Amino acid sequence: MKLNVSFENLALEASKVKGLIGFAEALRDSSYSYQEAIEALKLFTSQNGGECRQEDEVTRFVVLGETLDCYQPYKDIDKLYFDC
């Protein structure tokens, strides 16, 4: 019997229990583009009663006391960068 399971999606779902920063680390380590990661973080933030703001070229997420500043310093490198 062959299982039809996406282990990448499973790892991302499991990372959500580690909070905002753990989820962001999992997104960064996966094959998500910068924009895909930002959209996933926006959804995670809204589902967990947090807030999201755009400040210049930084998107700030705040969820349950965790603050995450996401940015894309190099437009030709489509990867998520963040500071916490």
PDB file of N, CA and C in Angstrom:
ATOM      1  N   MET A   1       0.843  -1.168   0.000  1.00  0.00           N
ATOM      2  CA  MET A   1       0.000   0.000   0.000  1.00  0.00           C
ATOM      3  C   MET A   1       0.894   1.239   0.000  1.00  0.00           C
ATOM      4  N   LYS A   2       0.553   2.203  -0.849  1.00  0.00           N
ATOM      5  CA  LYS A   2       1.325   3.427  -0.954  1.00  0.00           C
ATOM      6  C   LYS A   2       0.536   4.571  -0.318  1.00  0.00           C
ATOM      7  N   LEU A   3       1.198   5.332   0.531  1.00  0.00           N
ATOM      8  CA  LEU A   3       0.558   6.481   1.167  1.00  0.00           C
ATOM      9  C   LEU A   3       0.729   7.713   0.296  1.00  0.00           C
ATOM     10  N   ASN A   4      -0.316   8.477   0.180  1.00  0.00           N
ATOM     11  CA  ASN A   4      -0.275   9.718  -0.575  1.00  0.00           C
ATOM     12  C   ASN A   4      -0.207  10.873   0.428  1.00  0.00           C
ATOM     13  N   VAL A   5       0.998  11.121   0.942  1.00  0.00           N
ATOM     14  CA  VAL A   5       1.186  12.109   1.998  1.00  0.00           C
ATOM     15  C   VAL A   5       2.288  13.075   1.588  1.00  0.00           C
ATOM     16  N   SER A   6       2.038  14.357   1.768  1.00  0.00           N
ATOM     17  CA  SER A   6       3.061  15.367   1.539  1.00  0.00           C
ATOM     18  C   SER A   6       3.752  15.649   2.870  1.00  0.00           C
ATOM     19  N   PHE A   7       4.986  15.196   3.006  1.00  0.00           N
ATOM     20  CA  PHE A   7       5.696  15.381   4.264  1.00  0.00           C
ATOM     21  C   PHE A   7       6.074  16.841   4.496  1.00  0.00           C
ATOM     22  N   GLU A   8       6.238  17.625   3.423  1.00  0.00           N
ATOM     23  CA  GLU A   8       6.518  19.051   3.589  1.00  0.00           C
ATOM     24  C   GLU A   8       5.336  19.733   4.262  1.00  0.00           C
ATOM     25  N   ASN A   9       4.122  19.437   3.796  1.00  0.00           N
ATOM     26  CA  ASN A   9       2.938  20.032   4.420  1.00  0.00           C
ATOM     27  C   ASN A   9       2.779  19.565   5.855  1.00  0.00           C
ATOM     28  N   LEU A  10       3.087  18.314   6.110  1.00  0.00           N
ATOM     29  CA  LEU A  10       3.003  17.776   7.466  1.00  0.00           C
ATOM     30  C   LEU A  10       3.983  18.499   8.389  1.00  0.00           C
ATOM     31  N   ALA A  11       5.185  18.727   7.916  1.00  0.00           N
ATOM     32  CA  ALA A  11       6.191  19.437   8.715  1.00  0.00           C
ATOM     33  C   ALA A  11       5.761  20.872   8.988  1.00  0.00           C
ATOM     34  N   LEU A  12       5.163  21.528   7.991  1.00  0.00           N
ATOM     35  CA  LEU A  12       4.686  22.900   8.192  1.00  0.00           C
ATOM     36  C   LEU A  12       3.568  22.951   9.223  1.00  0.00           C
ATOM     37  N   GLU A  13       2.634  22.026   9.133  1.00  0.00           N
ATOM     38  CA  GLU A  13       1.529  21.991  10.101  1.00  0.00           C
ATOM     39  C   GLU A  13       2.051  21.726  11.508  1.00  0.00           C
ATOM     40  N   ALA A  14       2.997  20.819  11.632  1.00  0.00           N
ATOM     41  CA  ALA A  14       3.566  20.507  12.948  1.00  0.00           C
ATOM     42  C   ALA A  14       4.338  21.694  13.516  1.00  0.00           C
ATOM     43  N   SER A  15       4.958  22.487  12.655  1.00  0.00           N
ATOM     44  CA  SER A  15       5.745  23.632  13.120  1.00  0.00           C
ATOM     45  C   SER A  15       4.874  24.718  13.742  1.00  0.00           C
ATOM     46  N   LYS A  16       3.589  24.728  13.435  1.00  0.00           N
ATOM     47  CA  LYS A  16       2.692  25.757  13.974  1.00  0.00           C
ATOM     48  C   LYS A  16       2.577  25.689  15.490  1.00  0.00           C
ATOM     49  N   VAL A  17       2.794  24.518  16.075  1.00  0.00           N
ATOM     50  CA  VAL A  17       2.719  24.410  17.535  1.00  0.00           C
ATOM     51  C   VAL A  17       3.918  25.094  18.198  1.00  0.00           C
ATOM     52  N   LYS A  18       4.954  25.387  17.436  1.00  0.00           N
ATOM     53  CA  LYS A  18       6.125  26.092  17.960  1.00  0.00           C
ATOM     54  C   LYS A  18       5.936  27.602  17.931  1.00  0.00           C
ATOM     55  N   GLY A  19       4.782  28.061  17.457  1.00  0.00           N
ATOM     56  CA  GLY A  19       4.499  29.486  17.435  1.00  0.00           C
ATOM     57  C   GLY A  19       4.901  30.153  16.136  1.00  0.00           C
ATOM     58  N   LEU A  20       4.810  31.472  16.157  1.00  0.00           N
ATOM     59  CA  LEU A  20       5.062  32.291  14.973  1.00  0.00           C
ATOM     60  C   LEU A  20       6.474  32.090  14.432  1.00  0.00           C
ATOM     61  N   ILE A  21       7.452  32.135  15.305  1.00  0.00           N
ATOM     62  CA  ILE A  21       8.841  32.024  14.862  1.00  0.00           C
ATOM     63  C   ILE A  21       9.142  30.622  14.335  1.00  0.00           C
ATOM     64  N   GLY A  22       8.646  29.607  14.997  1.00  0.00           N
ATOM     65  CA  GLY A  22       8.841  28.236  14.525  1.00  0.00           C
ATOM     66  C   GLY A  22       8.215  28.006  13.164  1.00  0.00           C
ATOM     67  N   PHE A  23       7.026  28.583  12.959  1.00  0.00           N
ATOM     68  CA  PHE A  23       6.357  28.457  11.667  1.00  0.00           C
ATOM     69  C   PHE A  23       7.145  29.196  10.584  1.00  0.00           C
ATOM     70  N   ALA A  24       7.646  30.395  10.903  1.00  0.00           N
ATOM     71  CA  ALA A  24       8.440  31.160   9.934  1.00  0.00           C
ATOM     72  C   ALA A  24       9.717  30.409   9.560  1.00  0.00           C
ATOM     73  N   GLU A  25      10.358  29.783  10.538  1.00  0.00           N
ATOM     74  CA  GLU A  25      11.566  29.001  10.246  1.00  0.00           C
ATOM     75  C   GLU A  25      11.253  27.836   9.311  1.00  0.00           C
ATOM     76  N   ALA A  26      10.127  27.183   9.532  1.00  0.00           N
ATOM     77  CA  ALA A  26       9.733  26.065   8.669  1.00  0.00           C
ATOM     78  C   ALA A  26       9.426  26.549   7.254  1.00  0.00           C
ATOM     79  N   LEU A  27       8.781  27.702   7.130  1.00  0.00           N
ATOM     80  CA  LEU A  27       8.497  28.266   5.804  1.00  0.00           C
ATOM     81  C   LEU A  27       9.795  28.618   5.083  1.00  0.00           C
ATOM     82  N   ARG A  28      10.724  29.221   5.818  1.00  0.00           N
ATOM     83  CA  ARG A  28      12.009  29.599   5.224  1.00  0.00           C
ATOM     84  C   ARG A  28      12.770  28.366   4.742  1.00  0.00           C
ATOM     85  N   ASP A  29      12.706  27.295   5.513  1.00  0.00           N
ATOM     86  CA  ASP A  29      13.429  26.073   5.160  1.00  0.00           C
ATOM     87  C   ASP A  29      12.759  25.280   4.042  1.00  0.00           C
ATOM     88  N   SER A  30      11.494  25.581   3.775  1.00  0.00           N
ATOM     89  CA  SER A  30      10.770  24.874   2.716  1.00  0.00           C
ATOM     90  C   SER A  30      10.989  25.584   1.382  1.00  0.00           C
ATOM     91  N   SER A  31      10.267  25.180   0.390  1.00  0.00           N
ATOM     92  CA  SER A  31      10.426  25.760  -0.944  1.00  0.00           C
ATOM     93  C   SER A  31       9.476  26.928  -1.192  1.00  0.00           C
ATOM     94  N   TYR A  32       8.952  27.534  -0.132  1.00  0.00           N
ATOM     95  CA  TYR A  32       8.025  28.656  -0.298  1.00  0.00           C
ATOM     96  C   TYR A  32       8.769  29.896  -0.776  1.00  0.00           C
ATOM     97  N   SER A  33       8.147  30.631  -1.702  1.00  0.00           N
ATOM     98  CA  SER A  33       8.705  31.905  -2.137  1.00  0.00           C
ATOM     99  C   SER A  33       8.443  32.942  -1.044  1.00  0.00           C
ATOM    100  N   TYR A  34       9.037  34.116  -1.190  1.00  0.00           N
ATOM    101  CA  TYR A  34       8.833  35.183  -0.210  1.00  0.00           C
ATOM    102  C   TYR A  34       7.351  35.517  -0.077  1.00  0.00           C
ATOM    103  N   GLN A  35       6.682  35.740  -1.197  1.00  0.00           N
ATOM    104  CA  GLN A  35       5.269  36.136  -1.153  1.00  0.00           C
ATOM    105  C   GLN A  35       4.387  35.017  -0.605  1.00  0.00           C
ATOM    106  N   GLU A  36       4.669  33.777  -0.967  1.00  0.00           N
ATOM    107  CA  GLU A  36       3.899  32.644  -0.431  1.00  0.00           C
ATOM    108  C   GLU A  36       4.067  32.542   1.084  1.00  0.00           C
ATOM    109  N   ALA A  37       5.291  32.758   1.561  1.00  0.00           N
ATOM    110  CA  ALA A  37       5.551  32.703   3.001  1.00  0.00           C
ATOM    111  C   ALA A  37       4.831  33.833   3.728  1.00  0.00           C
ATOM    112  N   ILE A  38       4.834  35.030   3.148  1.00  0.00           N
ATOM    113  CA  ILE A  38       4.136  36.168   3.769  1.00  0.00           C
ATOM    114  C   ILE A  38       2.643  35.878   3.856  1.00  0.00           C
ATOM    115  N   GLU A  39       2.059  35.334   2.796  1.00  0.00           N
ATOM    116  CA  GLU A  39       0.626  35.008   2.816  1.00  0.00           C
ATOM    117  C   GLU A  39       0.315  33.946   3.867  1.00  0.00           C
ATOM    118  N   ALA A  40       1.174  32.933   3.989  1.00  0.00           N
ATOM    119  CA  ALA A  40       0.971  31.888   5.004  1.00  0.00           C
ATOM    120  C   ALA A  40       1.092  32.476   6.408  1.00  0.00           C
ATOM    121  N   LEU A  41       2.036  33.386   6.615  1.00  0.00           N
ATOM    122  CA  LEU A  41       2.190  34.034   7.920  1.00  0.00           C
ATOM    123  C   LEU A  41       1.003  34.944   8.236  1.00  0.00           C
ATOM    124  N   LYS A  42       0.468  35.620   7.229  1.00  0.00           N
ATOM    125  CA  LYS A  42      -0.730  36.448   7.443  1.00  0.00           C
ATOM    126  C   LYS A  42      -1.903  35.587   7.889  1.00  0.00           C
ATOM    127  N   LEU A  43      -2.080  34.448   7.257  1.00  0.00           N
ATOM    128  CA  LEU A  43      -3.167  33.542   7.625  1.00  0.00           C
ATOM    129  C   LEU A  43      -2.958  33.011   9.044  1.00  0.00           C
ATOM    130  N   PHE A  44      -1.750  32.575   9.357  1.00  0.00           N
ATOM    131  CA  PHE A  44      -1.431  32.082  10.698  1.00  0.00           C
ATOM    132  C   PHE A  44      -1.709  33.164  11.742  1.00  0.00           C
ATOM    133  N   THR A  45      -1.300  34.387  11.442  1.00  0.00           N
ATOM    134  CA  THR A  45      -1.488  35.505  12.366  1.00  0.00           C
ATOM    135  C   THR A  45      -2.961  35.785  12.600  1.00  0.00           C
ATOM    136  N   SER A  46      -3.750  35.826  11.542  1.00  0.00           N
ATOM    137  CA  SER A  46      -5.185  36.108  11.704  1.00  0.00           C
ATOM    138  C   SER A  46      -5.904  34.985  12.440  1.00  0.00           C
ATOM    139  N   GLN A  47      -5.493  33.748  12.222  1.00  0.00           N
ATOM    140  CA  GLN A  47      -6.127  32.611  12.892  1.00  0.00           C
ATOM    141  C   GLN A  47      -5.781  32.538  14.375  1.00  0.00           C
ATOM    142  N   ASN A  48      -4.711  33.211  14.767  1.00  0.00           N
ATOM    143  CA  ASN A  48      -4.261  33.154  16.154  1.00  0.00           C
ATOM    144  C   ASN A  48      -4.405  34.494  16.879  1.00  0.00           C
ATOM    145  N   GLY A  49      -5.262  35.358  16.355  1.00  0.00           N
ATOM    146  CA  GLY A  49      -5.582  36.615  17.027  1.00  0.00           C
ATOM    147  C   GLY A  49      -4.462  37.632  17.059  1.00  0.00           C
ATOM    148  N   GLY A  50      -3.538  37.534  16.124  1.00  0.00           N
ATOM    149  CA  GLY A  50      -2.421  38.472  16.081  1.00  0.00           C
ATOM    150  C   GLY A  50      -2.700  39.630  15.152  1.00  0.00           C
ATOM    151  N   GLU A  51      -1.668  40.405  14.916  1.00  0.00           N
ATOM    152  CA  GLU A  51      -1.801  41.531  13.996  1.00  0.00           C
ATOM    153  C   GLU A  51      -0.623  41.575  13.039  1.00  0.00           C
ATOM    154  N   CYS A  52      -0.879  42.179  11.896  1.00  0.00           N
ATOM    155  CA  CYS A  52       0.103  42.271  10.823  1.00  0.00           C
ATOM    156  C   CYS A  52       0.106  43.707  10.313  1.00  0.00           C
ATOM    157  N   ARG A  53       1.300  44.292  10.168  1.00  0.00           N
ATOM    158  CA  ARG A  53       1.417  45.652   9.640  1.00  0.00           C
ATOM    159  C   ARG A  53       2.573  45.718   8.645  1.00  0.00           C
ATOM    160  N   GLN A  54       2.384  46.571   7.664  1.00  0.00           N
ATOM    161  CA  GLN A  54       3.435  46.836   6.687  1.00  0.00           C
ATOM    162  C   GLN A  54       4.112  48.142   7.088  1.00  0.00           C
ATOM    163  N   GLU A  55       5.428  48.117   7.289  1.00  0.00           N
ATOM    164  CA  GLU A  55       6.205  49.297   7.652  1.00  0.00           C
ATOM    165  C   GLU A  55       7.377  49.405   6.687  1.00  0.00           C
ATOM    166  N   ASP A  56       7.315  50.361   5.785  1.00  0.00           N
ATOM    167  CA  ASP A  56       8.319  50.511   4.731  1.00  0.00           C
ATOM    168  C   ASP A  56       8.430  49.198   3.953  1.00  0.00           C
ATOM    169  N   GLU A  57       9.577  48.565   3.969  1.00  0.00           N
ATOM    170  CA  GLU A  57       9.747  47.306   3.237  1.00  0.00           C
ATOM    171  C   GLU A  57       9.760  46.106   4.176  1.00  0.00           C
ATOM    172  N   VAL A  58       9.210  46.289   5.370  1.00  0.00           N
ATOM    173  CA  VAL A  58       9.177  45.235   6.385  1.00  0.00           C
ATOM    174  C   VAL A  58       7.731  44.924   6.731  1.00  0.00           C
ATOM    175  N   THR A  59       7.403  43.648   6.802  1.00  0.00           N
ATOM    176  CA  THR A  59       6.085  43.226   7.267  1.00  0.00           C
ATOM    177  C   THR A  59       6.262  42.709   8.683  1.00  0.00           C
ATOM    178  N   ARG A  60       5.563  43.339   9.634  1.00  0.00           N
ATOM    179  CA  ARG A  60       5.685  42.966  11.050  1.00  0.00           C
ATOM    180  C   ARG A  60       4.479  42.142  11.466  1.00  0.00           C
ATOM    181  N   PHE A  61       4.762  40.988  12.069  1.00  0.00           N
ATOM    182  CA  PHE A  61       3.732  40.102  12.600  1.00  0.00           C
ATOM    183  C   PHE A  61       3.893  40.048  14.112  1.00  0.00           C
ATOM    184  N   VAL A  62       2.771  40.128  14.830  1.00  0.00           N
ATOM    185  CA  VAL A  62       2.783  40.006  16.286  1.00  0.00           C
ATOM    186  C   VAL A  62       1.701  39.007  16.665  1.00  0.00           C
ATOM    187  N   VAL A  63       2.119  37.910  17.313  1.00  0.00           N
ATOM    188  CA  VAL A  63       1.190  36.864  17.751  1.00  0.00           C
ATOM    189  C   VAL A  63       1.618  36.400  19.139  1.00  0.00           C
ATOM    190  N   LEU A  64       0.711  36.506  20.095  1.00  0.00           N
ATOM    191  CA  LEU A  64       0.932  35.991  21.455  1.00  0.00           C
ATOM    192  C   LEU A  64       2.296  36.382  22.025  1.00  0.00           C
ATOM    193  N   GLY A  65       2.655  37.647  21.876  1.00  0.00           N
ATOM    194  CA  GLY A  65       3.905  38.143  22.443  1.00  0.00           C
ATOM    195  C   GLY A  65       5.132  37.948  21.576  1.00  0.00           C
ATOM    196  N   GLU A  66       5.022  37.215  20.492  1.00  0.00           N
ATOM    197  CA  GLU A  66       6.145  37.035  19.568  1.00  0.00           C
ATOM    198  C   GLU A  66       6.046  38.082  18.463  1.00  0.00           C
ATOM    199  N   THR A  67       7.161  38.726  18.158  1.00  0.00           N
ATOM    200  CA  THR A  67       7.214  39.711  17.082  1.00  0.00           C
ATOM    201  C   THR A  67       8.201  39.228  16.029  1.00  0.00           C
ATOM    202  N   LEU A  68       7.785  39.341  14.784  1.00  0.00           N
ATOM    203  CA  LEU A  68       8.589  38.862  13.663  1.00  0.00           C
ATOM    204  C   LEU A  68       8.577  39.930  12.580  1.00  0.00           C
ATOM    205  N   ASP A  69       9.752  40.399  12.168  1.00  0.00           N
ATOM    206  CA  ASP A  69       9.886  41.366  11.086  1.00  0.00           C
ATOM    207  C   ASP A  69      10.418  40.642   9.857  1.00  0.00           C
ATOM    208  N   CYS A  70       9.611  40.585   8.804  1.00  0.00           N
ATOM    209  CA  CYS A  70       9.969  39.872   7.574  1.00  0.00           C
ATOM    210  C   CYS A  70      10.312  40.865   6.474  1.00  0.00           C
ATOM    211  N   TYR A  71      11.296  40.515   5.674  1.00  0.00           N
ATOM    212  CA  TYR A  71      11.719  41.393   4.590  1.00  0.00           C
ATOM    213  C   TYR A  71      12.388  40.572   3.494  1.00  0.00           C
ATOM    214  N   GLN A  72      12.594  41.235   2.364  1.00  0.00           N
ATOM    215  CA  GLN A  72      13.264  40.608   1.224  1.00  0.00           C
ATOM    216  C   GLN A  72      14.362  41.572   0.773  1.00  0.00           C
ATOM    217  N   PRO A  73      15.576  41.450   1.325  1.00  0.00           N
ATOM    218  CA  PRO A  73      16.624  42.429   1.036  1.00  0.00           C
ATOM    219  C   PRO A  73      17.132  42.394  -0.405  1.00  0.00           C
ATOM    220  N   TYR A  74      17.019  41.250  -1.035  1.00  0.00           N
ATOM    221  CA  TYR A  74      17.506  41.097  -2.405  1.00  0.00           C
ATOM    222  C   TYR A  74      16.341  40.673  -3.285  1.00  0.00           C
ATOM    223  N   LYS A  75      15.910  41.546  -4.157  1.00  0.00           N
ATOM    224  CA  LYS A  75      14.729  41.264  -4.983  1.00  0.00           C
ATOM    225  C   LYS A  75      14.948  40.097  -5.937  1.00  0.00           C
ATOM    226  N   ASP A  76      16.200  39.806  -6.261  1.00  0.00           N
ATOM    227  CA  ASP A  76      16.470  38.693  -7.171  1.00  0.00           C
ATOM    228  C   ASP A  76      16.568  37.348  -6.440  1.00  0.00           C
ATOM    229  N   ILE A  77      16.522  37.360  -5.110  1.00  0.00           N
ATOM    230  CA  ILE A  77      16.516  36.124  -4.320  1.00  0.00           C
ATOM    231  C   ILE A  77      15.154  36.019  -3.656  1.00  0.00           C
ATOM    232  N   ASP A  78      14.349  35.095  -4.138  1.00  0.00           N
ATOM    233  CA  ASP A  78      12.954  34.967  -3.697  1.00  0.00           C
ATOM    234  C   ASP A  78      12.879  34.077  -2.457  1.00  0.00           C
ATOM    235  N   LYS A  79      13.361  34.616  -1.334  1.00  0.00           N
ATOM    236  CA  LYS A  79      13.428  33.856  -0.092  1.00  0.00           C
ATOM    237  C   LYS A  79      13.010  34.748   1.072  1.00  0.00           C
ATOM    238  N   LEU A  80      12.449  34.128   2.101  1.00  0.00           N
ATOM    239  CA  LEU A  80      12.009  34.844   3.295  1.00  0.00           C
ATOM    240  C   LEU A  80      13.189  35.100   4.228  1.00  0.00           C
ATOM    241  N   TYR A  81      13.344  36.351   4.633  1.00  0.00           N
ATOM    242  CA  TYR A  81      14.310  36.733   5.655  1.00  0.00           C
ATOM    243  C   TYR A  81      13.520  37.340   6.798  1.00  0.00           C
ATOM    244  N   PHE A  82      13.986  37.147   8.029  1.00  0.00           N
ATOM    245  CA  PHE A  82      13.271  37.744   9.156  1.00  0.00           C
ATOM    246  C   PHE A  82      14.179  37.936  10.361  1.00  0.00           C
ATOM    247  N   ASP A  83      13.756  38.857  11.215  1.00  0.00           N
ATOM    248  CA  ASP A  83      14.372  39.107  12.516  1.00  0.00           C
ATOM    249  C   ASP A  83      13.292  38.945  13.559  1.00  0.00           C
ATOM    250  N   CYS A  84      13.665  38.455  14.735  1.00  0.00           N
ATOM    251  CA  CYS A  84      12.684  38.316  15.812  1.00  0.00           C
ATOM    252  C   CYS A  84      13.197  38.970  17.079  1.00  0.00           C
TER     253      CYS A  84
END
